[in-house]
Amino acid sequence: MAGILDLLTGDTGQKILQGVSRETNQPEDKTASVVTMALPLLMGAMKRNAQTPQGAAGLMGALNNKHDGSILDNLGGLFDGGVNDDIKVDGLGILGHVLGGSQDNVVGAISKKSGLDSNSVMNILQVLAPIALGYLGKQKRQQNVASDSGIESLLGGMLGGGKKQQRKQQSLIESLLDGDNDGSVVDDIAGMVLSGNKKKGGLGGMLGGLFGN
């Protein structure tokens, strides 16, 4: 099963990071830092929402319709000339729905760790959110997930690692979403998820590989 690391590496990941960087007028290394921290948090928040029947049904409905993965089919068209306002409005809606009252805490934590101000982080996240949901929709199709009950397991697989590591990851993610810490765990979460998808490397190695450092 493809994990978060697969979304960030290779040609697709390069196009996404370069496109988001241009769209938000932020350096690629800063954009990569934000995206690397944000993706596990977004997926973890979706996983938590999918633990309820209503949450799972709502997510499946979105993946079956608007967010079926087609956004990834023409990334050049998405970014060339600028991302249209409908995509950005959609991104804000996704963030509000997925993160709910945790949004300010998540944005603040990523801002503190990335060195970008909160507005810049939000600009990146609102472009990233529809792409992340589209990637989940693509994986849903490829893995033939047809029932609401299967979406939580799909998200767990994308976060990577064994069951014990997944529980620890989710505990850290939820502690940040619930505002139970100062946000210092965001890079730990990213490192755990990336190392769970790729045994060697981790956060630093992954970012270095992306930009040839």
Foldseek 3Di string as FASTA:
>chain_A
DAAPLVCCDDPNNLLLLVLLCVQLVHDSLLLVLLCLLVLLLLLLLLLVLLVDVVSLVVLVVCLVPVQQQCCSVCSVVCRVVHHDPVLLVVLVVSLCVSLPPLSVLQLVLSCVVSVHDSVSSSSSRSNVRSNSSSVLNPQCVVVVPDDSVCSSVSSLVNLADDPVLSVVLSVLSVCSSVVVDNSPCSQVSSQSSVCRNPVPAGDVRSSCVSVVD
